[in-house]
Amino acid sequence: MKTIELALSQVGVKEIYGKKDNPEVLKYFDEIGFNGTKLHDETAWCSAFANWVCKKSGLPYTGRLDARSWLKVGKKVSEPKLGDIVVFWRESPNSWKGHVAFFIRETRNWIYVLGGNQNNQVKISAYPKRRLLQYRRLEA
C-alpha cells in the first residue's frame, strides 16, 4: 500500500526542541498549503502529516490542521484495514481536540497507528480503544 509505505519512510522524523525547527516537519505544512516558516515544529502536526501523506498518495485529504476534520473525509468503517484513517479524541470525547493517524493493527484494548506528532515524532504508537472516534476509509 503506497500510503503506508510513504508514511513509513518518514519514521524517525521528529521535532527539534528549542528555537530551531525540523525542516522535514515544516515540509508537511508547506506542501499542504500552510506556510511552515510561520508555524513551528511544536505546532500540533498530526493532521499536517496525514494530509501530506494522503496528498502525495493521491487520496482525498482535509487540508486542515485539526485532527477531527478527518471525520468528514472518506467513509466510516467498522472493520479497519491497514492504512485506514483513525481519529481519536483528546481530553474528552466532546472536545474539539483529537489525534489522527494511519491504522496498523488492533488488539482487544489497543489500536496501533502510524502517525506524525506521536511523542513529537513520526512513529507507530498504541492508543487506548476507548479513545476511538472513528475509522475512515479513503479511496482515490
Protein backbone atom coordinates (compact mmCIF):
# COMPACT_ATOMS: atom_id res chain seq x y z
CA MET A 1 0.00 0.00 0.00
CA LYS A 2 1.52 3.25 -1.20
CA THR A 3 0.16 5.30 1.72
CA ILE A 4 1.72 3.14 4.44
CA GLU A 5 5.00 2.89 2.54
CA LEU A 6 5.21 6.68 2.28
CA ALA A 7 4.29 7.16 5.94
CA LEU A 8 6.84 4.51 6.99
CA SER A 9 9.54 6.32 5.01
CA GLN A 10 9.12 9.21 7.46
CA VAL A 11 9.52 7.19 10.68
CA GLY A 12 12.02 8.95 12.91
CA VAL A 13 11.28 12.49 11.71
CA LYS A 14 10.98 14.46 14.94
CA GLU A 15 10.68 17.93 16.35
CA ILE A 16 13.79 19.85 17.29
CA TYR A 17 13.42 21.29 20.77
CA GLY A 18 14.09 24.97 21.18
CA LYS A 19 14.12 27.75 18.61
CA LYS A 20 15.16 25.61 15.64
CA ASP A 21 12.57 23.72 13.62
CA ASN A 22 12.98 20.47 11.73
CA PRO A 23 12.63 21.34 8.03
CA GLU A 24 11.08 17.91 7.41
CA VAL A 25 8.18 18.75 9.75
CA LEU A 26 7.80 22.22 8.18
CA LYS A 27 7.66 20.49 4.77
CA TYR A 28 4.41 18.78 5.80
CA PHE A 29 2.85 22.21 6.44
CA ASP A 30 4.31 23.81 3.30
CA GLU A 31 3.25 21.08 0.90
CA ILE A 32 -0.39 21.13 2.04
CA GLY A 33 -0.68 24.91 1.70
CA PHE A 34 0.42 26.31 5.06
CA ASN A 35 3.49 28.48 5.45
CA GLY A 36 5.85 26.36 7.53
CA THR A 37 8.03 29.38 8.32
CA LYS A 38 5.10 30.96 10.17
CA LEU A 39 4.42 27.75 12.07
CA HIS A 40 6.84 25.71 14.11
CA ASP A 41 7.50 22.04 14.61
CA GLU A 42 5.92 22.41 18.06
CA THR A 43 2.60 23.24 16.33
CA ALA A 44 0.30 20.21 16.52
CA TRP A 45 1.18 18.45 13.27
CA CYS A 46 -0.55 15.06 13.24
CA SER A 47 -3.12 16.29 10.72
CA ALA A 48 -0.47 18.05 8.62
CA PHE A 49 1.38 14.73 8.38
CA ALA A 50 -1.78 12.79 7.45
CA ASN A 51 -2.66 15.44 4.85
CA TRP A 52 0.84 15.32 3.38
CA VAL A 53 0.82 11.51 3.10
CA CYS A 54 -2.66 11.43 1.55
CA LYS A 55 -1.92 14.27 -0.88
CA LYS A 56 1.31 12.58 -2.04
CA SER A 57 -0.57 9.26 -2.37
CA GLY A 58 -3.36 10.74 -4.50
CA LEU A 59 -6.01 10.25 -1.81
CA PRO A 60 -8.58 12.72 -0.50
CA TYR A 61 -7.36 14.91 2.35
CA THR A 62 -8.79 17.68 4.51
CA GLY A 63 -6.25 20.46 4.02
CA ARG A 64 -6.87 21.35 7.66
CA LEU A 65 -4.74 21.12 10.77
CA ASP A 66 -7.42 19.88 13.18
CA ALA A 67 -7.50 16.12 13.61
CA ARG A 68 -11.28 15.94 13.79
CA SER A 69 -11.57 17.38 10.28
CA TRP A 70 -10.80 13.80 9.17
CA LEU A 71 -14.25 12.74 10.40
CA LYS A 72 -15.63 14.26 7.16
CA VAL A 73 -13.31 12.61 4.62
CA GLY A 74 -13.81 9.18 3.12
CA LYS A 75 -16.34 6.80 4.59
CA LYS A 76 -16.83 5.50 8.11
CA VAL A 77 -15.95 1.82 8.52
CA SER A 78 -16.20 -0.53 11.48
CA GLU A 79 -13.57 -3.06 10.38
CA PRO A 80 -10.37 -1.14 9.64
CA LYS A 81 -7.73 -2.22 7.15
CA LEU A 82 -4.04 -1.35 7.05
CA GLY A 83 -3.68 2.33 6.15
CA ASP A 84 -7.21 3.44 7.08
CA ILE A 85 -7.51 6.73 8.93
CA VAL A 86 -8.07 6.54 12.69
CA VAL A 87 -9.43 9.54 14.60
CA PHE A 88 -9.13 9.69 18.38
CA TRP A 89 -10.44 12.19 20.90
CA ARG A 90 -8.14 14.11 23.23
CA GLU A 91 -9.12 15.48 26.66
CA SER A 92 -12.75 14.42 26.23
CA PRO A 93 -14.99 12.92 23.54
CA ASN A 94 -16.76 16.29 23.22
CA SER A 95 -13.60 18.40 22.98
CA TRP A 96 -12.55 19.87 19.62
CA LYS A 97 -9.15 18.27 20.17
CA GLY A 98 -8.09 14.97 18.68
CA HIS A 99 -5.41 12.91 17.02
CA VAL A 100 -5.29 11.37 13.55
CA ALA A 101 -3.05 8.60 12.22
CA PHE A 102 -2.99 5.54 9.96
CA PHE A 103 -4.25 2.16 11.14
CA ILE A 104 -1.68 -0.61 11.61
CA ARG A 105 -3.41 -3.19 13.80
CA GLU A 106 -5.52 -3.60 16.92
CA THR A 107 -5.75 -5.79 19.97
CA ARG A 108 -8.58 -6.12 22.43
CA ASN A 109 -7.78 -2.81 24.17
CA TRP A 110 -5.31 -1.02 21.90
CA ILE A 111 -5.16 0.47 18.41
CA TYR A 112 -1.70 0.69 16.87
CA VAL A 113 -1.30 3.59 14.47
CA LEU A 114 1.44 5.18 12.39
CA GLY A 115 1.33 8.93 12.59
CA GLY A 116 3.05 12.23 12.99
CA ASN A 117 3.42 14.11 16.26
CA GLN A 118 3.26 10.92 18.27
CA ASN A 119 5.62 11.70 21.12
CA ASN A 120 6.83 14.57 18.89
CA GLN A 121 7.84 12.30 16.02
CA VAL A 122 6.63 10.02 13.24
CA LYS A 123 6.30 6.55 14.74
CA ILE A 124 3.97 3.67 15.50
CA SER A 125 2.16 4.08 18.81
CA ALA A 126 -0.62 2.32 20.71
CA TYR A 127 -3.70 4.28 21.79
CA PRO A 128 -6.49 3.02 24.04
CA LYS A 129 -9.51 1.79 22.06
CA ARG A 130 -11.79 3.72 24.37
CA ARG A 131 -10.48 6.96 22.77
CA LEU A 132 -11.56 5.95 19.24
CA LEU A 133 -13.94 8.29 17.47
CA GLN A 134 -13.97 6.64 14.03
CA TYR A 135 -12.14 4.59 11.46
CA ARG A 136 -12.32 6.17 7.98
CA ARG A 137 -11.52 4.63 4.60
CA LEU A 138 -10.16 6.85 1.84
CA GLU A 139 -10.37 5.98 -1.83
CA ALA A 140 -8.79 7.76 -4.78
